[in-house]
Amino acid sequence: MDQATGEAVAVRCTAVDDAQRFGTSVYFPHRLVPLDDTRPFDMSLCAVSHGAVTVGLLSYSEPVRIETGDQETAYEVNIPLVGSVDSWSGPDHVVASSGRAVVFRPYGATAMQGFGRDRPLLGLKLDRTALEAQLADLVGRRIRGPVDLASSLDLRAGRGSAWWAVARSVAELFAAPDDGLALLNNELVMRPLTQSLLVGFLHAVEHPYLVDVLEKPSEAAVPAVLRRAKAYMEEHVAEPLTITEVAAAVGSSVRGLQVGFRQHLQRTPMEHLRELRLRRAHTELINADPDQSSVAEIAHRWGFTHLGRFAARHRAAYGQTPSEALGTGR
């Protein structure tokens, strides 16, 4: 599969060789074995790649076993949305489910066994170089990889639950009709979302740096850095910004920028960016021609994927719904 970054693709295969070839092109080289070869085979996969993150929704009509050798280029997180899948990450056995993800590290063989009709699995491939560079930026020193991540992540509580809320929002876009596909192909929506998946994962999964480094308070960014960050976000608000790009542009670490925003502005950098985009969306709403533009189009253009939450934020900020504001400035 020649998949351009940012292009959502979907395929259905009824031959094992085709399914193995397509799955390899999205994830890793692997061996695919149907566990009941007396029944017709069917595999479906929808996937999208944005930068360092590939997200795919995978399903098989009947149970299968998937095996890989050592994979040195990426980490992977797999979450069955229904039922469970027996998984092996190196020597560790994990029963993955909607409440517990299995984490594949870039060392040791991996395997999964299970699946079946109406039992889709969400698979996220995280580029190793990008993940380790992101961790180095968060902790402020060089990281010697591969990182010894825990082989599973509890999605039911705490940081794991917060990260799963972001990952689940991407999964829901695959199930949506035309609007979902449009948003999966929208860089303004997906690039910050996949960056949140990468950073949030490092805050959620257990690893040697989590307690000792990530949870320690760091020195807050000085106000001058915050002013530069705010100005940079204002100037590039229509672009698919990530916190990593903002931090690099103003000469700060990601961690320093996060702490500085919380300490001095009582919000996160991405919350500030959403406020800027809400302001731009409001301006566009009131100046729009209701016969030519819709609330949904304007909301999606400014990165708001959930119209209900967009309406609630707009009412809280401006005292009226987006529909009430549409065209009022003409």
C-alpha atoms as a PDB file:
ATOM      1  CA  MET A   1       0.000   0.000   0.000  1.00  0.00           C
ATOM      2  CA  ASP A   2       1.403   3.394  -0.992  1.00  0.00           C
ATOM      3  CA  GLN A   3      -0.364   5.450   1.632  1.00  0.00           C
ATOM      4  CA  ALA A   4       0.395   9.156   1.819  1.00  0.00           C
ATOM      5  CA  THR A   5       0.556  10.640   5.287  1.00  0.00           C
ATOM      6  CA  GLY A   6      -2.841  12.035   6.195  1.00  0.00           C
ATOM      7  CA  GLU A   7      -4.754   9.905   3.671  1.00  0.00           C
ATOM      8  CA  ALA A   8      -7.326   7.562   5.174  1.00  0.00           C
ATOM      9  CA  VAL A   9      -7.582   4.223   3.358  1.00  0.00           C
ATOM     10  CA  ALA A  10      -9.883   1.238   3.668  1.00  0.00           C
ATOM     11  CA  VAL A  11      -9.693  -2.284   2.285  1.00  0.00           C
ATOM     12  CA  ARG A  12     -11.530  -5.601   2.523  1.00  0.00           C
ATOM     13  CA  CYS A  13      -9.716  -8.833   1.730  1.00  0.00           C
ATOM     14  CA  THR A  14     -11.143 -12.327   1.228  1.00  0.00           C
ATOM     15  CA  ALA A  15      -7.774 -13.999   0.595  1.00  0.00           C
ATOM     16  CA  VAL A  16      -5.289 -14.592   3.429  1.00  0.00           C
ATOM     17  CA  ASP A  17      -2.280 -13.584   1.312  1.00  0.00           C
ATOM     18  CA  ASP A  18      -3.880 -10.265   0.380  1.00  0.00           C
ATOM     19  CA  ALA A  19      -4.817  -9.565   3.998  1.00  0.00           C
ATOM     20  CA  GLN A  20      -1.291 -10.365   5.181  1.00  0.00           C
ATOM     21  CA  ARG A  21       0.247  -8.144   2.498  1.00  0.00           C
ATOM     22  CA  PHE A  22      -2.017  -5.192   3.249  1.00  0.00           C
ATOM     23  CA  GLY A  23      -1.641  -5.551   7.008  1.00  0.00           C
ATOM     24  CA  THR A  24       2.141  -5.621   6.589  1.00  0.00           C
ATOM     25  CA  SER A  25       2.067  -2.376   4.605  1.00  0.00           C
ATOM     26  CA  VAL A  26       0.187  -0.608   7.429  1.00  0.00           C
ATOM     27  CA  TYR A  27       1.814  -2.217  10.476  1.00  0.00           C
ATOM     28  CA  PHE A  28       4.600  -4.841  10.437  1.00  0.00           C
ATOM     29  CA  PRO A  29       5.606  -7.952   8.481  1.00  0.00           C
ATOM     30  CA  HIS A  30       3.664 -10.803  10.041  1.00  0.00           C
ATOM     31  CA  ARG A  31       2.352 -14.326   9.636  1.00  0.00           C
ATOM     32  CA  LEU A  32      -1.438 -14.608   9.488  1.00  0.00           C
ATOM     33  CA  VAL A  33      -3.083 -17.971  10.217  1.00  0.00           C
ATOM     34  CA  PRO A  34      -6.879 -18.520  10.230  1.00  0.00           C
ATOM     35  CA  LEU A  35      -7.820 -20.809  13.119  1.00  0.00           C
ATOM     36  CA  ASP A  36     -10.749 -22.328  11.236  1.00  0.00           C
ATOM     37  CA  ASP A  37      -9.925 -22.710   7.544  1.00  0.00           C
ATOM     38  CA  THR A  38     -13.250 -24.402   6.836  1.00  0.00           C
ATOM     39  CA  ARG A  39     -15.047 -21.053   6.915  1.00  0.00           C
ATOM     40  CA  PRO A  40     -14.840 -18.176   4.389  1.00  0.00           C
ATOM     41  CA  PHE A  41     -12.084 -15.688   5.266  1.00  0.00           C
ATOM     42  CA  ASP A  42     -12.749 -11.959   5.448  1.00  0.00           C
ATOM     43  CA  MET A  43     -10.564  -9.112   6.744  1.00  0.00           C
ATOM     44  CA  SER A  44     -11.387  -5.391   6.919  1.00  0.00           C
ATOM     45  CA  LEU A  45      -8.910  -2.629   7.736  1.00  0.00           C
ATOM     46  CA  CYS A  46      -9.339   1.141   7.772  1.00  0.00           C
ATOM     47  CA  ALA A  47      -6.195   3.132   8.550  1.00  0.00           C
ATOM     48  CA  VAL A  48      -4.750   6.627   8.546  1.00  0.00           C
ATOM     49  CA  SER A  49      -1.197   7.866   9.184  1.00  0.00           C
ATOM     50  CA  HIS A  50      -0.333  11.324  10.467  1.00  0.00           C
ATOM     51  CA  GLY A  51       3.318  11.963  11.161  1.00  0.00           C
ATOM     52  CA  ALA A  52       4.621   9.484  13.724  1.00  0.00           C
ATOM     53  CA  VAL A  53       1.253   7.826  14.410  1.00  0.00           C
ATOM     54  CA  THR A  54      -0.705   5.278  12.378  1.00  0.00           C
ATOM     55  CA  VAL A  55      -4.214   4.421  13.574  1.00  0.00           C
ATOM     56  CA  GLY A  56      -6.182   1.524  12.161  1.00  0.00           C
ATOM     57  CA  LEU A  57      -9.431  -0.311  12.819  1.00  0.00           C
ATOM     58  CA  LEU A  58      -8.996  -4.011  12.060  1.00  0.00           C
ATOM     59  CA  SER A  59     -11.455  -6.909  12.019  1.00  0.00           C
ATOM     60  CA  TYR A  60     -11.593 -10.534  10.852  1.00  0.00           C
ATOM     61  CA  SER A  61     -14.676 -12.606  10.175  1.00  0.00           C
ATOM     62  CA  GLU A  62     -13.259 -15.609  12.029  1.00  0.00           C
ATOM     63  CA  PRO A  63     -10.584 -16.133  14.713  1.00  0.00           C
ATOM     64  CA  VAL A  64      -6.971 -15.818  13.533  1.00  0.00           C
ATOM     65  CA  ARG A  65      -3.442 -15.874  14.931  1.00  0.00           C
ATOM     66  CA  ILE A  66      -0.970 -13.141  13.990  1.00  0.00           C
ATOM     67  CA  GLU A  67       2.764 -13.495  14.683  1.00  0.00           C
ATOM     68  CA  THR A  68       5.671 -11.095  14.126  1.00  0.00           C
ATOM     69  CA  GLY A  69       9.399 -11.277  14.694  1.00  0.00           C
ATOM     70  CA  ASP A  70      11.485  -8.513  16.287  1.00  0.00           C
ATOM     71  CA  GLN A  71      10.216  -5.106  15.143  1.00  0.00           C
ATOM     72  CA  GLU A  72      12.757  -2.352  15.716  1.00  0.00           C
ATOM     73  CA  THR A  73      11.045   0.632  14.109  1.00  0.00           C
ATOM     74  CA  ALA A  74       7.912   1.245  16.183  1.00  0.00           C
ATOM     75  CA  TYR A  75       5.892   0.607  19.327  1.00  0.00           C
ATOM     76  CA  GLU A  76       2.285  -0.573  18.967  1.00  0.00           C
ATOM     77  CA  VAL A  77      -0.811  -0.359  21.170  1.00  0.00           C
ATOM     78  CA  ASN A  78      -3.761  -2.678  20.460  1.00  0.00           C
ATOM     79  CA  ILE A  79      -7.235  -2.416  21.991  1.00  0.00           C
ATOM     80  CA  PRO A  80     -10.083  -4.832  21.135  1.00  0.00           C
ATOM     81  CA  LEU A  81     -13.277  -2.776  21.072  1.00  0.00           C
ATOM     82  CA  VAL A  82     -15.403  -5.888  21.711  1.00  0.00           C
ATOM     83  CA  GLY A  83     -14.391  -9.099  23.428  1.00  0.00           C
ATOM     84  CA  SER A  84     -10.772  -9.996  24.147  1.00  0.00           C
ATOM     85  CA  VAL A  85      -7.647 -11.050  22.269  1.00  0.00           C
ATOM     86  CA  ASP A  86      -4.860 -13.176  23.741  1.00  0.00           C
ATOM     87  CA  SER A  87      -1.634 -11.284  23.123  1.00  0.00           C
ATOM     88  CA  TRP A  88       2.065 -11.902  23.720  1.00  0.00           C
ATOM     89  CA  SER A  89       4.531  -9.014  23.892  1.00  0.00           C
ATOM     90  CA  GLY A  90       7.868 -10.782  24.110  1.00  0.00           C
ATOM     91  CA  PRO A  91       7.493 -13.151  27.094  1.00  0.00           C
ATOM     92  CA  ASP A  92       4.503 -11.293  28.572  1.00  0.00           C
ATOM     93  CA  HIS A  93       0.989 -12.668  28.077  1.00  0.00           C
ATOM     94  CA  VAL A  94      -1.764 -10.016  28.080  1.00  0.00           C
ATOM     95  CA  VAL A  95      -5.496 -10.603  27.636  1.00  0.00           C
ATOM     96  CA  ALA A  96      -6.280  -7.405  25.758  1.00  0.00           C
ATOM     97  CA  SER A  97      -9.801  -5.980  25.952  1.00  0.00           C
ATOM     98  CA  SER A  98     -11.663  -2.682  25.846  1.00  0.00           C
ATOM     99  CA  GLY A  99     -10.413  -2.102  29.392  1.00  0.00           C
ATOM    100  CA  ARG A 100      -6.799  -3.174  28.906  1.00  0.00           C
ATOM    101  CA  ALA A 101      -4.508  -2.421  25.957  1.00  0.00           C
ATOM    102  CA  VAL A 102      -1.560  -4.591  25.019  1.00  0.00           C
ATOM    103  CA  VAL A 103       1.673  -2.726  24.280  1.00  0.00           C
ATOM    104  CA  PHE A 104       4.155  -4.196  21.794  1.00  0.00           C
ATOM    105  CA  ARG A 105       7.734  -2.998  22.270  1.00  0.00           C
ATOM    106  CA  PRO A 106      10.374  -2.826  19.481  1.00  0.00           C
ATOM    107  CA  TYR A 107      12.135  -5.913  20.784  1.00  0.00           C
ATOM    108  CA  GLY A 108      11.016  -9.518  21.063  1.00  0.00           C
ATOM    109  CA  ALA A 109       8.464 -11.434  19.033  1.00  0.00           C
ATOM    110  CA  THR A 110       4.767 -10.642  19.335  1.00  0.00           C
ATOM    111  CA  ALA A 111       1.565 -12.581  18.744  1.00  0.00           C
ATOM    112  CA  MET A 112      -2.203 -12.091  18.893  1.00  0.00           C
ATOM    113  CA  GLN A 113      -4.895 -14.760  18.824  1.00  0.00           C
ATOM    114  CA  GLY A 114      -8.636 -14.217  18.715  1.00  0.00           C
ATOM    115  CA  PHE A 115     -10.835 -11.779  16.774  1.00  0.00           C
ATOM    116  CA  GLY A 116     -14.044 -12.925  15.099  1.00  0.00           C
ATOM    117  CA  ARG A 117     -17.102 -11.369  13.521  1.00  0.00           C
ATOM    118  CA  ASP A 118     -18.122  -7.970  14.926  1.00  0.00           C
ATOM    119  CA  ARG A 119     -15.032  -7.876  17.165  1.00  0.00           C
ATOM    120  CA  PRO A 120     -12.906  -5.005  15.794  1.00  0.00           C
ATOM    121  CA  LEU A 121      -9.526  -4.010  17.204  1.00  0.00           C
ATOM    122  CA  LEU A 122      -8.013  -0.534  17.287  1.00  0.00           C
ATOM    123  CA  GLY A 123      -4.284  -0.642  16.544  1.00  0.00           C
ATOM    124  CA  LEU A 124      -1.957   2.333  16.984  1.00  0.00           C
ATOM    125  CA  LYS A 125       1.597   2.222  15.626  1.00  0.00           C
ATOM    126  CA  LEU A 126       3.922   4.803  17.214  1.00  0.00           C
ATOM    127  CA  ASP A 127       7.166   5.520  15.405  1.00  0.00           C
ATOM    128  CA  ARG A 128      10.064   4.580  17.677  1.00  0.00           C
ATOM    129  CA  THR A 129      12.314   7.527  16.812  1.00  0.00           C
ATOM    130  CA  ALA A 130       9.494  10.027  17.328  1.00  0.00           C
ATOM    131  CA  LEU A 131       8.303   8.486  20.602  1.00  0.00           C
ATOM    132  CA  GLU A 132      11.786   8.390  22.087  1.00  0.00           C
ATOM    133  CA  ALA A 133      12.520  11.950  20.922  1.00  0.00           C
ATOM    134  CA  GLN A 134       9.240  13.087  22.491  1.00  0.00           C
ATOM    135  CA  LEU A 135      10.168  11.395  25.761  1.00  0.00           C
ATOM    136  CA  ALA A 136      13.617  13.015  25.694  1.00  0.00           C
ATOM    137  CA  ASP A 137      11.965  16.405  25.256  1.00  0.00           C
ATOM    138  CA  LEU A 138       9.588  15.748  28.132  1.00  0.00           C
ATOM    139  CA  VAL A 139      12.324  14.672  30.535  1.00  0.00           C
ATOM    140  CA  GLY A 140      14.941  17.133  29.332  1.00  0.00           C
ATOM    141  CA  ARG A 141      17.718  14.645  28.602  1.00  0.00           C
ATOM    142  CA  ARG A 142      18.815  12.039  26.088  1.00  0.00           C
ATOM    143  CA  ILE A 143      16.927   8.741  26.068  1.00  0.00           C
ATOM    144  CA  ARG A 144      18.619   5.453  25.320  1.00  0.00           C
ATOM    145  CA  GLY A 145      15.991   3.343  23.611  1.00  0.00           C
ATOM    146  CA  PRO A 146      14.157   1.197  23.253  1.00  0.00           C
ATOM    147  CA  VAL A 147      12.138   2.338  26.254  1.00  0.00           C
ATOM    148  CA  ASP A 148      11.124  -0.450  28.617  1.00  0.00           C
ATOM    149  CA  LEU A 149       7.378   0.165  28.483  1.00  0.00           C
ATOM    150  CA  ALA A 150       4.928  -1.957  30.427  1.00  0.00           C
ATOM    151  CA  SER A 151       3.320  -4.619  28.221  1.00  0.00           C
ATOM    152  CA  SER A 152      -0.216  -3.478  29.113  1.00  0.00           C
ATOM    153  CA  LEU A 153      -2.116  -0.300  29.920  1.00  0.00           C
ATOM    154  CA  ASP A 154      -5.224  -0.112  32.109  1.00  0.00           C
ATOM    155  CA  LEU A 155      -7.791   1.985  30.213  1.00  0.00           C
ATOM    156  CA  ARG A 156     -10.424   2.047  32.951  1.00  0.00           C
ATOM    157  CA  ALA A 157      -9.028   4.671  35.325  1.00  0.00           C
ATOM    158  CA  GLY A 158      -6.501   7.450  35.793  1.00  0.00           C
ATOM    159  CA  ARG A 159      -4.129   8.507  33.041  1.00  0.00           C
ATOM    160  CA  GLY A 160      -4.942   5.410  30.996  1.00  0.00           C
ATOM    161  CA  SER A 161      -8.613   6.351  30.924  1.00  0.00           C
ATOM    162  CA  ALA A 162      -7.790   9.907  29.836  1.00  0.00           C
ATOM    163  CA  TRP A 163      -5.566   8.641  27.024  1.00  0.00           C
ATOM    164  CA  TRP A 164      -8.210   6.129  25.940  1.00  0.00           C
ATOM    165  CA  ALA A 165     -10.767   8.938  25.604  1.00  0.00           C
ATOM    166  CA  VAL A 166      -8.539  10.533  22.948  1.00  0.00           C
ATOM    167  CA  ALA A 167      -7.850   7.224  21.176  1.00  0.00           C
ATOM    168  CA  ARG A 168     -11.537   6.280  21.240  1.00  0.00           C
ATOM    169  CA  SER A 169     -12.460   9.583  19.558  1.00  0.00           C
ATOM    170  CA  VAL A 170     -10.293   8.572  16.595  1.00  0.00           C
ATOM    171  CA  ALA A 171     -11.904   5.123  16.473  1.00  0.00           C
ATOM    172  CA  GLU A 172     -15.324   6.750  16.355  1.00  0.00           C
ATOM    173  CA  LEU A 173     -14.326   8.709  13.245  1.00  0.00           C
ATOM    174  CA  PHE A 174     -13.774   5.431  11.359  1.00  0.00           C
ATOM    175  CA  ALA A 175     -17.362   4.430  12.127  1.00  0.00           C
ATOM    176  CA  ALA A 176     -18.818   7.802  11.101  1.00  0.00           C
ATOM    177  CA  PRO A 177     -20.118   8.286   7.553  1.00  0.00           C
ATOM    178  CA  ASP A 178     -18.724  10.927   5.182  1.00  0.00           C
ATOM    179  CA  ASP A 179     -17.919  13.494   7.890  1.00  0.00           C
ATOM    180  CA  GLY A 180     -15.715  10.971   9.685  1.00  0.00           C
ATOM    181  CA  LEU A 181     -13.623  10.321   6.581  1.00  0.00           C
ATOM    182  CA  ALA A 182     -13.295  14.045   5.940  1.00  0.00           C
ATOM    183  CA  LEU A 183     -12.036  14.634   9.477  1.00  0.00           C
ATOM    184  CA  LEU A 184      -9.580  11.724   9.266  1.00  0.00           C
ATOM    185  CA  ASN A 185      -8.110  13.421   6.192  1.00  0.00           C
ATOM    186  CA  ASN A 186      -8.072  16.872   7.851  1.00  0.00           C
ATOM    187  CA  GLU A 187      -4.553  17.820   8.976  1.00  0.00           C
ATOM    188  CA  LEU A 188      -5.872  20.589  11.222  1.00  0.00           C
ATOM    189  CA  VAL A 189      -7.874  17.999  13.159  1.00  0.00           C
ATOM    190  CA  MET A 190      -5.658  14.931  13.021  1.00  0.00           C
ATOM    191  CA  ARG A 191      -2.140  16.235  13.452  1.00  0.00           C
ATOM    192  CA  PRO A 192      -2.721  17.730  16.937  1.00  0.00           C
ATOM    193  CA  LEU A 193      -4.891  14.720  17.808  1.00  0.00           C
ATOM    194  CA  THR A 194      -2.177  12.204  16.938  1.00  0.00           C
ATOM    195  CA  GLN A 195       0.384  14.339  18.790  1.00  0.00           C
ATOM    196  CA  SER A 196      -1.893  14.167  21.836  1.00  0.00           C
ATOM    197  CA  LEU A 197      -1.961  10.382  21.465  1.00  0.00           C
ATOM    198  CA  LEU A 198       1.831  10.259  21.469  1.00  0.00           C
ATOM    199  CA  VAL A 199       2.377  12.616  24.425  1.00  0.00           C
ATOM    200  CA  GLY A 200      -0.581  11.265  26.389  1.00  0.00           C
ATOM    201  CA  PHE A 201       0.635   7.706  25.969  1.00  0.00           C
ATOM    202  CA  LEU A 202       3.977   8.619  27.565  1.00  0.00           C
ATOM    203  CA  HIS A 203       2.102  10.055  30.535  1.00  0.00           C
ATOM    204  CA  ALA A 204      -0.167   7.007  30.829  1.00  0.00           C
ATOM    205  CA  VAL A 205       1.907   3.859  30.341  1.00  0.00           C
ATOM    206  CA  GLU A 206       4.348   2.662  32.986  1.00  0.00           C
ATOM    207  CA  HIS A 207       8.042   3.098  32.125  1.00  0.00           C
ATOM    208  CA  PRO A 208      11.241   3.844  34.024  1.00  0.00           C
ATOM    209  CA  TYR A 209      10.908   7.622  33.584  1.00  0.00           C
ATOM    210  CA  LEU A 210       7.285   8.042  34.589  1.00  0.00           C
ATOM    211  CA  VAL A 211       7.400   8.400  38.370  1.00  0.00           C
ATOM    212  CA  ASP A 212      10.977   9.619  38.688  1.00  0.00           C
ATOM    213  CA  VAL A 213      10.826  12.295  35.974  1.00  0.00           C
ATOM    214  CA  LEU A 214       7.465  13.009  34.328  1.00  0.00           C
ATOM    215  CA  GLU A 215       5.558  13.461  37.569  1.00  0.00           C
ATOM    216  CA  LYS A 216       8.157  15.725  39.204  1.00  0.00           C
ATOM    217  CA  PRO A 217       7.362  19.446  39.022  1.00  0.00           C
ATOM    218  CA  SER A 218       9.669  21.262  36.632  1.00  0.00           C
ATOM    219  CA  GLU A 219      10.659  24.891  36.511  1.00  0.00           C
ATOM    220  CA  ALA A 220       7.901  26.940  34.929  1.00  0.00           C
ATOM    221  CA  ALA A 221       8.569  28.793  31.722  1.00  0.00           C
ATOM    222  CA  VAL A 222       9.213  32.471  32.278  1.00  0.00           C
ATOM    223  CA  PRO A 223       6.436  34.866  31.178  1.00  0.00           C
ATOM    224  CA  ALA A 224       8.454  36.075  28.169  1.00  0.00           C
ATOM    225  CA  VAL A 225       8.420  32.542  26.790  1.00  0.00           C
ATOM    226  CA  LEU A 226       4.670  32.362  27.329  1.00  0.00           C
ATOM    227  CA  ARG A 227       4.159  35.641  25.491  1.00  0.00           C
ATOM    228  CA  ARG A 228       6.163  34.342  22.552  1.00  0.00           C
ATOM    229  CA  ALA A 229       4.184  31.082  22.595  1.00  0.00           C
ATOM    230  CA  LYS A 230       0.852  32.921  22.616  1.00  0.00           C
ATOM    231  CA  ALA A 231       1.974  35.155  19.747  1.00  0.00           C
ATOM    232  CA  TYR A 232       3.195  32.150  17.746  1.00  0.00           C
ATOM    233  CA  MET A 233      -0.099  30.322  18.239  1.00  0.00           C
ATOM    234  CA  GLU A 234      -2.046  33.428  17.231  1.00  0.00           C
ATOM    235  CA  GLU A 235       0.005  33.755  14.060  1.00  0.00           C
ATOM    236  CA  HIS A 236      -0.293  30.061  13.143  1.00  0.00           C
ATOM    237  CA  VAL A 237      -3.748  29.348  14.533  1.00  0.00           C
ATOM    238  CA  ALA A 238      -5.088  28.055  11.196  1.00  0.00           C
ATOM    239  CA  GLU A 239      -2.283  25.494  10.911  1.00  0.00           C
ATOM    240  CA  PRO A 240      -2.234  21.980  12.454  1.00  0.00           C
ATOM    241  CA  LEU A 241       0.002  23.014  15.360  1.00  0.00           C
ATOM    242  CA  THR A 242       1.357  20.637  17.970  1.00  0.00           C
ATOM    243  CA  ILE A 243       2.755  21.587  21.354  1.00  0.00           C
ATOM    244  CA  THR A 244       6.133  20.229  20.247  1.00  0.00           C
ATOM    245  CA  GLU A 245       6.249  22.708  17.359  1.00  0.00           C
ATOM    246  CA  VAL A 246       5.219  25.624  19.573  1.00  0.00           C
ATOM    247  CA  ALA A 247       7.842  24.738  22.168  1.00  0.00           C
ATOM    248  CA  ALA A 248      10.559  24.465  19.519  1.00  0.00           C
ATOM    249  CA  ALA A 249       9.551  27.787  17.955  1.00  0.00           C
ATOM    250  CA  VAL A 250       9.885  29.707  21.243  1.00  0.00           C
ATOM    251  CA  GLY A 251      12.936  27.896  22.623  1.00  0.00           C
ATOM    252  CA  SER A 252      11.210  25.952  25.395  1.00  0.00           C
ATOM    253  CA  SER A 253      10.803  22.316  26.318  1.00  0.00           C
ATOM    254  CA  VAL A 254       7.322  20.825  26.048  1.00  0.00           C
ATOM    255  CA  ARG A 255       7.277  20.207  29.800  1.00  0.00           C
ATOM    256  CA  GLY A 256       8.354  23.760  30.581  1.00  0.00           C
ATOM    257  CA  LEU A 257       5.663  25.189  28.329  1.00  0.00           C
ATOM    258  CA  GLN A 258       2.985  23.002  29.906  1.00  0.00           C
ATOM    259  CA  VAL A 259       3.951  23.985  33.433  1.00  0.00           C
ATOM    260  CA  GLY A 260       4.248  27.659  32.499  1.00  0.00           C
ATOM    261  CA  PHE A 261       0.782  27.797  30.966  1.00  0.00           C
ATOM    262  CA  ARG A 262      -0.766  26.056  33.964  1.00  0.00           C
ATOM    263  CA  GLN A 263       1.026  28.241  36.493  1.00  0.00           C
ATOM    264  CA  HIS A 264       0.588  31.614  34.806  1.00  0.00           C
ATOM    265  CA  LEU A 265      -2.504  31.187  32.595  1.00  0.00           C
ATOM    266  CA  GLN A 266      -4.422  28.401  34.393  1.00  0.00           C
ATOM    267  CA  ARG A 267      -4.807  26.413  31.203  1.00  0.00           C
ATOM    268  CA  THR A 268      -2.801  24.073  29.010  1.00  0.00           C
ATOM    269  CA  PRO A 269      -1.210  25.261  25.759  1.00  0.00           C
ATOM    270  CA  MET A 270      -3.698  23.242  23.710  1.00  0.00           C
ATOM    271  CA  GLU A 271      -6.619  24.677  25.690  1.00  0.00           C
ATOM    272  CA  HIS A 272      -5.297  28.127  24.826  1.00  0.00           C
ATOM    273  CA  LEU A 273      -5.068  27.144  21.164  1.00  0.00           C
ATOM    274  CA  ARG A 274      -8.668  25.887  21.247  1.00  0.00           C
ATOM    275  CA  GLU A 275      -9.756  29.238  22.687  1.00  0.00           C
ATOM    276  CA  LEU A 276      -8.026  31.032  19.816  1.00  0.00           C
ATOM    277  CA  ARG A 277      -9.729  28.770  17.290  1.00  0.00           C
ATOM    278  CA  LEU A 278     -13.091  29.227  19.004  1.00  0.00           C
ATOM    279  CA  ARG A 279     -12.632  32.988  18.634  1.00  0.00           C
ATOM    280  CA  ARG A 280     -11.819  32.608  14.930  1.00  0.00           C
ATOM    281  CA  ALA A 281     -14.767  30.266  14.423  1.00  0.00           C
ATOM    282  CA  HIS A 282     -17.077  32.768  16.137  1.00  0.00           C
ATOM    283  CA  THR A 283     -15.860  35.566  13.854  1.00  0.00           C
ATOM    284  CA  GLU A 284     -16.419  33.395  10.807  1.00  0.00           C
ATOM    285  CA  LEU A 285     -19.870  32.367  12.023  1.00  0.00           C
ATOM    286  CA  ILE A 286     -21.183  35.889  12.481  1.00  0.00           C
ATOM    287  CA  ASN A 287     -19.773  37.007   9.101  1.00  0.00           C
ATOM    288  CA  ALA A 288     -20.949  33.925   7.171  1.00  0.00           C
ATOM    289  CA  ASP A 289     -23.776  33.746   4.670  1.00  0.00           C
ATOM    290  CA  PRO A 290     -26.215  31.151   6.102  1.00  0.00           C
ATOM    291  CA  ASP A 291     -27.138  30.130   2.560  1.00  0.00           C
ATOM    292  CA  GLN A 292     -23.520  29.339   1.726  1.00  0.00           C
ATOM    293  CA  SER A 293     -21.981  28.098   4.999  1.00  0.00           C
ATOM    294  CA  SER A 294     -23.077  25.774   7.781  1.00  0.00           C
ATOM    295  CA  VAL A 295     -22.152  25.570  11.434  1.00  0.00           C
ATOM    296  CA  ALA A 296     -20.662  22.110  10.881  1.00  0.00           C
ATOM    297  CA  GLU A 297     -18.406  23.297   8.045  1.00  0.00           C
ATOM    298  CA  ILE A 298     -17.068  26.196  10.086  1.00  0.00           C
ATOM    299  CA  ALA A 299     -16.609  24.068  13.213  1.00  0.00           C
ATOM    300  CA  HIS A 300     -14.714  21.371  11.334  1.00  0.00           C
ATOM    301  CA  ARG A 301     -12.565  23.946   9.542  1.00  0.00           C
ATOM    302  CA  TRP A 302     -11.348  25.197  12.925  1.00  0.00           C
ATOM    303  CA  GLY A 303     -10.678  21.731  14.309  1.00  0.00           C
ATOM    304  CA  PHE A 304     -13.850  21.102  16.352  1.00  0.00           C
ATOM    305  CA  THR A 305     -14.943  17.539  15.626  1.00  0.00           C
ATOM    306  CA  HIS A 306     -17.810  17.223  18.121  1.00  0.00           C
ATOM    307  CA  LEU A 307     -20.586  19.673  17.290  1.00  0.00           C
ATOM    308  CA  GLY A 308     -22.268  19.302  20.688  1.00  0.00           C
ATOM    309  CA  ARG A 309     -19.110  20.255  22.558  1.00  0.00           C
ATOM    310  CA  PHE A 310     -18.432  23.049  20.086  1.00  0.00           C
ATOM    311  CA  ALA A 311     -21.931  24.442  20.692  1.00  0.00           C
ATOM    312  CA  ALA A 312     -21.476  24.236  24.470  1.00  0.00           C
ATOM    313  CA  ARG A 313     -18.107  26.040  24.334  1.00  0.00           C
ATOM    314  CA  HIS A 314     -19.531  28.700  22.024  1.00  0.00           C
ATOM    315  CA  ARG A 315     -22.539  29.343  24.265  1.00  0.00           C
ATOM    316  CA  ALA A 316     -20.312  29.547  27.359  1.00  0.00           C
ATOM    317  CA  ALA A 317     -18.018  32.066  25.656  1.00  0.00           C
ATOM    318  CA  TYR A 318     -20.516  34.168  23.687  1.00  0.00           C
ATOM    319  CA  GLY A 319     -23.926  33.570  25.275  1.00  0.00           C
ATOM    320  CA  GLN A 320     -25.501  32.080  22.148  1.00  0.00           C
ATOM    321  CA  THR A 321     -25.353  28.889  20.168  1.00  0.00           C
ATOM    322  CA  PRO A 322     -23.393  28.750  16.897  1.00  0.00           C
ATOM    323  CA  SER A 323     -26.679  28.517  15.002  1.00  0.00           C
ATOM    324  CA  GLU A 324     -27.911  31.692  16.678  1.00  0.00           C
ATOM    325  CA  ALA A 325     -24.657  33.463  15.810  1.00  0.00           C
ATOM    326  CA  LEU A 326     -24.582  32.337  12.164  1.00  0.00           C
ATOM    327  CA  GLY A 327     -24.903  35.306   9.823  1.00  0.00           C
ATOM    328  CA  THR A 328     -25.684  37.892  12.503  1.00  0.00           C
ATOM    329  CA  GLY A 329     -22.834  40.173  11.464  1.00  0.00           C
ATOM    330  CA  ARG A 330     -23.931  40.545   7.855  1.00  0.00           C
END
